[in-house]
Protein backbone atom coordinates (compact mmCIF):
# COMPACT_ATOMS: atom_id res chain seq x y z
CA UNK A 1 -232.33 -125.08 -74.50
CA UNK A 2 -231.55 -128.03 -72.40
CA UNK A 3 -228.32 -130.20 -72.94
CA UNK A 4 -228.66 -134.08 -72.93
CA UNK A 5 -226.12 -136.73 -73.34
CA UNK A 6 -226.26 -139.93 -75.37
CA UNK A 7 -224.02 -142.92 -75.67
CA UNK A 8 -223.35 -144.49 -78.96
CA UNK A 9 -220.71 -146.41 -80.91
CA UNK A 10 -217.69 -144.04 -81.58
CA UNK A 11 -217.62 -145.09 -85.25
CA UNK A 12 -221.34 -144.51 -85.66
CA UNK A 13 -221.03 -140.93 -84.17
CA UNK A 14 -218.06 -140.15 -86.47
CA UNK A 15 -219.93 -141.38 -89.51
CA UNK A 16 -223.04 -139.34 -88.56
CA UNK A 17 -220.76 -136.18 -88.09
CA UNK A 18 -219.29 -136.79 -91.61
CA UNK A 19 -222.73 -137.13 -93.12
CA UNK A 20 -223.78 -133.80 -91.40
CA UNK A 21 -220.78 -132.10 -92.73
CA UNK A 22 -221.61 -133.24 -96.25
CA UNK A 23 -225.05 -131.79 -95.74
CA UNK A 24 -223.57 -128.48 -94.39
CA UNK A 25 -225.15 -128.89 -91.03
CA UNK A 26 -224.15 -130.32 -87.70
CA UNK A 27 -224.96 -133.58 -85.91
CA UNK A 28 -226.61 -131.39 -83.17
CA UNK A 29 -228.78 -129.76 -85.65
CA UNK A 30 -229.73 -132.96 -87.27
CA UNK A 31 -230.56 -134.51 -83.80
CA UNK A 32 -232.67 -131.50 -82.95
CA UNK A 33 -234.68 -131.97 -86.16
CA UNK A 34 -235.08 -135.61 -85.67
CA UNK A 35 -236.21 -135.04 -82.02
CA UNK A 36 -238.93 -132.56 -83.17
CA UNK A 37 -240.32 -134.99 -85.80
CA UNK A 38 -240.26 -137.80 -83.24
CA UNK A 39 -242.30 -135.76 -80.86
CA UNK A 40 -244.69 -134.65 -83.43
CA UNK A 41 -245.75 -138.22 -84.27
CA UNK A 42 -247.51 -138.47 -81.00
CA UNK A 43 -249.16 -135.04 -81.59
CA UNK A 44 -250.21 -136.17 -84.97
CA UNK A 45 -251.60 -139.58 -83.74
CA UNK A 46 -253.54 -137.74 -80.99
CA UNK A 47 -254.92 -135.32 -83.70
CA UNK A 48 -256.13 -138.29 -85.86
CA UNK A 49 -257.78 -139.77 -82.63
CA UNK A 50 -259.63 -136.50 -82.06
CA UNK A 51 -260.79 -136.22 -85.60
CA UNK A 52 -262.01 -139.83 -85.60
CA UNK A 53 -264.06 -139.28 -82.47
CA UNK A 54 -265.45 -136.01 -83.89
CA UNK A 55 -266.31 -137.85 -87.08
CA UNK A 56 -268.84 -139.95 -85.04
CA UNK A 57 -270.96 -136.78 -84.55
CA UNK A 58 -270.97 -135.59 -88.15
CA UNK A 59 -273.16 -137.11 -90.89
CA UNK A 60 -272.24 -136.35 -94.53
CA UNK A 61 -274.70 -138.76 -96.05
CA UNK A 62 -271.81 -140.40 -97.90
CA UNK A 63 -270.87 -137.30 -99.97
CA UNK A 64 -267.79 -135.29 -99.65
CA UNK A 65 -268.10 -131.58 -98.78
CA UNK A 66 -267.29 -128.96 -101.29
CA UNK A 67 -264.34 -126.65 -100.83
CA UNK A 68 -266.86 -123.71 -100.14
CA UNK A 69 -268.71 -125.82 -97.54
CA UNK A 70 -265.52 -126.76 -95.73
CA UNK A 71 -264.59 -123.04 -95.67
CA UNK A 72 -268.08 -121.80 -94.59
CA UNK A 73 -268.17 -120.21 -91.06
CA UNK A 74 -271.18 -121.11 -88.99
């Protein structure tokens, strides 16, 4: 893992540490979770764009596919 440094108000940091302690975790772990979620937003947006583009090539005739149809391998 790589270390990074942030600057924030001392009172804000202490309040965040206190909250993390109450949740039986660390501020570092909370930040790692936030960073992962933040990075995944971009990945999710890209996936939606790809699905939208692929949707242009698929015709369903206006009906939803059944579960079996969705699972069918071609």
